[in-house]
Every structure is written in structure tokens, then in C-alpha cells.
Protein backbone atom coordinates (compact mmCIF):
# COMPACT_ATOMS: atom_id res chain seq x y z
CA MET A 1 -0.40 21.19 -8.91
CA ASN A 2 -0.33 19.86 -12.94
CA ALA A 3 -1.65 23.58 -14.00
CA ASP A 4 0.48 26.00 -15.31
CA PHE A 5 -1.44 28.64 -13.91
CA VAL A 6 -4.41 29.70 -11.68
CA LEU A 7 -6.72 32.42 -12.14
CA PHE A 8 -8.16 33.65 -9.01
CA ALA A 9 -10.86 36.44 -9.32
CA SER A 10 -12.96 38.79 -6.47
CA PRO A 11 -14.57 41.78 -6.11
CA ILE A 12 -13.12 44.22 -3.87
CA ILE A 13 -15.34 44.75 -0.77
CA MET A 14 -14.66 47.49 1.49
CA GLY A 15 -11.12 47.98 0.45
CA PHE A 16 -10.09 44.33 0.07
CA THR A 17 -10.98 40.71 -1.78
CA SER A 18 -13.79 39.04 -0.85
CA ALA A 19 -13.75 36.62 2.17
CA LEU A 20 -14.27 33.49 0.07
CA LEU A 21 -11.27 34.53 -1.84
CA LYS A 22 -9.22 34.91 1.13
CA LYS A 23 -10.46 31.40 2.70
CA SER A 24 -9.09 29.59 -0.61
CA ILE A 25 -5.82 31.20 -0.78
CA ASP A 26 -5.30 30.21 3.02
CA LYS A 27 -6.31 26.28 2.39
CA LEU A 28 -3.68 26.20 -0.06
CA ILE A 29 -0.90 26.12 2.80
CA PRO A 30 -1.04 22.78 2.93
CA LEU A 31 0.72 22.95 -0.51
CA LEU A 32 3.74 22.97 1.47
CA TYR A 33 5.57 21.49 4.59
CA PRO A 34 5.15 22.90 8.12
CA ASN A 35 8.42 23.05 8.23
CA PHE A 36 10.50 26.76 7.77
CA ASP A 37 13.47 27.73 5.67
CA PHE A 38 15.34 31.15 6.02
CA SER A 39 15.51 32.25 2.58
CA ASN A 40 16.56 35.93 1.64
CA SER A 41 16.36 36.89 5.19
CA GLU A 42 13.27 35.62 5.62
CA VAL A 43 11.37 32.58 7.06
CA HIS A 44 9.15 30.57 4.62
CA HIS A 45 7.51 26.93 4.72
CA VAL A 46 9.60 24.28 2.71
CA SER A 47 8.28 23.22 -1.08
CA ARG A 48 6.27 20.31 -1.19
CA TYR A 49 6.08 19.60 -4.86
CA VAL A 50 8.67 20.67 -7.54
CA LYS A 51 6.70 23.30 -9.53
CA TYR A 52 3.53 25.66 -8.44
CA PRO A 53 1.31 27.00 -10.76
CA LYS A 54 1.76 30.79 -11.45
CA MET A 55 -1.03 32.74 -10.40
CA GLY A 56 -3.22 36.04 -11.85
CA ILE A 57 -5.72 38.02 -10.32
CA LEU A 58 -8.66 39.73 -11.83
CA PHE A 59 -10.76 42.26 -9.46
CA GLU A 60 -13.70 44.07 -9.97
CA LYS A 61 -13.93 47.29 -8.19
CA SER A 62 -16.60 49.05 -6.19
CA ASN A 63 -17.62 52.51 -6.28
CA ASP A 64 -15.31 53.04 -3.82
CA THR A 65 -11.81 51.35 -4.64
CA ASP A 66 -9.31 53.63 -5.17
CA GLU A 67 -5.72 53.16 -6.76
CA LYS A 68 -3.96 52.65 -2.95
CA ASP A 69 -6.87 49.96 -2.31
CA LEU A 70 -4.97 48.13 -5.25
CA GLU A 71 -1.84 48.98 -4.98
CA ILE A 72 -2.40 47.09 -0.99
CA ILE A 73 -4.10 44.26 -2.76
CA LYS A 74 -1.45 43.39 -4.98
CA GLY A 75 1.49 43.44 -2.30
CA ILE A 76 -0.49 41.18 -0.71
CA TYR A 77 -0.92 38.75 -3.06
CA THR A 78 2.37 39.39 -4.34
CA ARG A 79 3.65 38.13 -0.84
CA ASN A 80 1.36 35.00 -0.80
CA ALA A 81 2.41 34.04 -4.19
CA LEU A 82 6.28 34.16 -2.78
CA ASN A 83 5.21 32.10 0.54
CA LEU A 84 3.50 29.69 -1.82
CA LYS A 85 7.01 29.17 -3.94
CA THR A 86 5.19 30.68 -7.44
CA SER A 87 4.50 34.17 -8.74
CA LEU A 88 1.90 36.61 -9.22
CA SER A 89 1.77 36.97 -12.91
CA PHE A 90 -0.39 39.64 -13.26
CA THR A 91 -3.51 41.76 -11.53
CA LEU A 92 -6.39 43.32 -13.58
CA ILE A 93 -9.57 44.71 -13.05
CA THR A 94 -12.93 43.61 -15.15
CA GLN A 95 -12.71 47.17 -16.61
CA ASN A 96 -9.73 46.22 -18.34
CA PRO A 97 -10.30 45.50 -22.47
CA ILE A 98 -11.00 41.81 -22.46
CA LYS A 99 -8.49 41.53 -25.25
CA GLU A 100 -6.00 42.69 -22.50
CA ILE A 101 -7.05 40.34 -20.05
CA VAL A 102 -7.05 37.47 -22.46
CA HIS A 103 -3.50 38.34 -23.79
CA GLU A 104 -2.22 38.50 -20.29
CA ILE A 105 -3.09 35.26 -19.42
CA ASN A 106 -1.88 33.72 -22.84
CA SER A 107 1.61 35.04 -22.02
CA ILE A 108 2.08 32.66 -19.71
């Protein structure tokens, strides 16, 4: 909780992130209270802490990964970040030049 930023990484398997990343994200739910509140006509958990670290995700595409897969994954993890009271700073793939990835991380 004291971090400013958390980077998650996962291969894309059958059009989605690994089960290990999914389980890791699910285990973050206790960082929120079990109570719910309305926010922008949506129901969300109540914050347990004042500040939450921003999130970034680095993916490794498989041979059958297409742009629609990346769009769906980004949408889901954007919603996960919203539920976790933070924001998704970026989603990048390992094929991006390392300088671009480092720049994104350093610009947070």
C-alpha cells in the first residue's frame, strides 16, 4: 500500500491473461471494505485506505493474440483498477521497445 505504482505482467493465453494474474488481482479485494457505496450510478466497494498505488500491465502476446483480445483485456483491467480505487496507467506488450516501457513506468 505504500507503493506509488504496481506493475503486473502476464502472458496472454487463449485470449486472456494467465490464471495466476487473475488470482493475484482477486486477492486484492481485501484491500477494500466489504461494504458497498454508489459512485457515478455504479456500486463499488468502500475504500479501506486513503491512497492506492497506480497499476500498469505488461503482456506477452501469443501467436493467436489479436487487437480485440488486447482491447477486451485492457477494458477488464481498467474496470478492476476502478474497483480498486486506482487507475490503470498503461497496458503494454513485451514487443514494445524497452525504452518505451521504461519511459511509461518513469512517467508515473
